Amino acid sequence: MAHLAPMNNGCVRYICQLKRLTLQYCKNGGSSRGIREFLSETVAQFAKENPHLTVYVRQRPGRHPRIVAEFLSGNSRVVSVKNMSVEEVAGHISLLRTSSGIKTVKLAKPWHTDNPSIQGNWTPFLYK
């Protein structure tokens, strides 16, 4: 639990949960055009604005581009940026930078009961 953010993350002291960002692209592939433009125009400024973040750039010849994000919790997320523009790539990177890295769990129901009712749930507005 030492690597997870405290419950008041953002109220007292913000701890960015993104630890490492790896930008993988093909040097000649057409699907990597957006990420290549991002690397030539924006990545230096992004790295200066986020000194707590380690940014790696790696070539993957003959493969589609992707972004690999590794978080403090040990989770990692891979985002494909195939055929995306510079703005879309920057949007995905911004989303990864601000996310916690914890996998989302969809709850089937917002309530739980040991004895489910056949008739359904009662609310004060049921017969109005």
Protein backbone atom coordinates (compact mmCIF):
# COMPACT_ATOMS: atom_id res chain seq x y z
CA MET A 1 0.00 0.00 0.00
CA ALA A 2 3.02 2.31 0.15
CA HIS A 3 2.93 2.97 -3.61
CA LEU A 4 -0.76 3.79 -3.87
CA ALA A 5 -1.95 7.36 -3.66
CA PRO A 6 -3.54 8.47 -0.42
CA MET A 7 -7.29 9.05 -0.32
CA ASN A 8 -6.78 12.82 -0.37
CA ASN A 9 -4.71 12.82 -3.56
CA GLY A 10 -4.99 16.33 -4.95
CA CYS A 11 -6.16 17.98 -1.73
CA VAL A 12 -2.96 18.07 0.30
CA ARG A 13 -0.19 17.07 -2.07
CA TYR A 14 -0.70 15.63 -5.53
CA ILE A 15 1.19 12.45 -6.34
CA CYS A 16 1.20 11.64 -10.04
CA GLN A 17 0.52 7.93 -10.41
CA LEU A 18 2.13 7.62 -13.85
CA LYS A 19 5.72 6.47 -13.48
CA ARG A 20 6.92 5.65 -16.99
CA LEU A 21 5.65 6.40 -20.48
CA THR A 22 7.01 4.51 -23.49
CA LEU A 23 6.20 5.83 -26.97
CA GLN A 24 6.68 3.11 -29.58
CA TYR A 25 6.49 3.84 -33.30
CA CYS A 26 7.64 2.74 -36.74
CA LYS A 27 10.07 5.02 -38.55
CA ASN A 28 8.51 4.54 -42.00
CA GLY A 29 4.95 3.33 -41.35
CA GLY A 30 2.02 5.50 -42.37
CA SER A 31 0.06 4.61 -39.23
CA SER A 32 2.82 6.18 -37.11
CA ARG A 33 2.62 9.63 -38.70
CA GLY A 34 0.77 11.25 -35.78
CA ILE A 35 3.13 9.96 -33.09
CA ARG A 36 6.19 10.89 -35.20
CA GLU A 37 4.88 14.46 -35.46
CA PHE A 38 4.21 14.46 -31.71
CA LEU A 39 7.80 13.33 -31.10
CA SER A 40 9.27 16.00 -33.37
CA GLU A 41 7.11 18.89 -32.10
CA THR A 42 5.84 18.30 -28.58
CA VAL A 43 7.66 15.58 -26.65
CA ALA A 44 10.51 17.84 -25.45
CA GLN A 45 8.09 20.40 -24.03
CA PHE A 46 5.99 17.61 -22.47
CA ALA A 47 9.08 16.15 -20.78
CA LYS A 48 10.05 19.59 -19.39
CA GLU A 49 6.54 20.12 -17.99
CA ASN A 50 6.53 16.68 -16.32
CA PRO A 51 9.94 16.16 -14.69
CA HIS A 52 8.55 13.43 -12.40
CA LEU A 53 7.74 11.28 -15.44
CA THR A 54 10.21 9.14 -17.36
CA VAL A 55 9.57 9.20 -21.11
CA TYR A 56 11.11 6.54 -23.35
CA VAL A 57 10.98 6.57 -27.16
CA ARG A 58 11.40 3.23 -28.90
CA GLN A 59 11.23 2.19 -32.55
CA ARG A 60 9.20 -0.87 -33.53
CA PRO A 61 9.93 -1.49 -37.23
CA GLY A 62 6.95 -2.81 -39.17
CA ARG A 63 4.49 -2.48 -36.27
CA HIS A 64 1.68 -0.12 -35.41
CA PRO A 65 2.42 2.65 -32.89
CA ARG A 66 1.38 2.41 -29.28
CA ILE A 67 1.83 4.06 -25.91
CA VAL A 68 2.74 1.94 -22.88
CA ALA A 69 2.03 3.55 -19.51
CA GLU A 70 3.36 2.09 -16.26
CA PHE A 71 1.91 3.27 -12.95
CA LEU A 72 3.13 3.30 -9.34
CA SER A 73 0.62 0.58 -8.46
CA GLY A 74 2.45 -1.83 -10.79
CA ASN A 75 -0.31 -1.84 -13.40
CA SER A 76 0.41 -0.98 -16.99
CA ARG A 77 -1.86 0.13 -19.81
CA VAL A 78 -1.23 -0.13 -23.55
CA VAL A 79 -2.98 2.32 -25.87
CA SER A 80 -2.88 1.88 -29.64
CA VAL A 81 -2.46 5.19 -31.48
CA LYS A 82 -2.69 3.75 -34.98
CA ASN A 83 -3.62 6.38 -37.63
CA MET A 84 -4.22 9.11 -35.00
CA SER A 85 -3.42 12.79 -35.36
CA VAL A 86 -1.05 14.75 -33.13
CA GLU A 87 -3.98 16.15 -31.12
CA GLU A 88 -5.42 12.67 -30.50
CA VAL A 89 -2.02 11.33 -29.41
CA ALA A 90 -1.60 14.29 -27.05
CA GLY A 91 -5.10 13.68 -25.69
CA HIS A 92 -4.33 10.03 -24.93
CA ILE A 93 -1.06 10.98 -23.23
CA SER A 94 -2.85 13.62 -21.15
CA LEU A 95 -5.50 11.08 -20.15
CA LEU A 96 -2.84 8.56 -19.11
CA ARG A 97 -0.92 11.23 -17.18
CA THR A 98 -3.95 12.13 -15.08
CA SER A 99 -5.33 8.62 -14.54
CA SER A 100 -4.62 6.53 -11.45
CA GLY A 101 -3.79 3.27 -13.21
CA ILE A 102 -6.19 1.27 -11.07
CA LYS A 103 -8.30 -1.05 -13.16
CA THR A 104 -11.94 -0.07 -13.22
CA VAL A 105 -14.44 -2.58 -11.89
CA LYS A 106 -17.98 -2.37 -13.16
CA LEU A 107 -20.53 -3.00 -10.48
CA ALA A 108 -23.50 -5.05 -11.63
CA LYS A 109 -25.87 -3.35 -9.20
CA PRO A 110 -25.44 -0.37 -6.88
CA TRP A 111 -26.90 -2.40 -3.98
CA HIS A 112 -26.50 -5.86 -2.45
CA THR A 113 -28.91 -7.98 -0.48
CA ASP A 114 -28.83 -11.51 0.87
CA ASN A 115 -32.57 -12.00 0.19
CA PRO A 116 -33.40 -10.59 -3.25
CA SER A 117 -37.01 -9.61 -3.91
CA ILE A 118 -38.97 -10.90 -6.88
CA GLN A 119 -41.06 -7.73 -6.90
CA GLY A 120 -38.10 -5.38 -7.34
CA ASN A 121 -36.75 -2.57 -5.24
CA TRP A 122 -39.04 -0.24 -3.32
CA THR A 123 -38.59 3.49 -3.67
CA PRO A 124 -40.75 6.30 -2.26
CA PHE A 125 -41.66 7.25 -5.84
CA LEU A 126 -42.84 3.77 -6.86
CA TYR A 127 -46.57 4.45 -7.20
CA LYS A 128 -46.53 8.17 -8.02
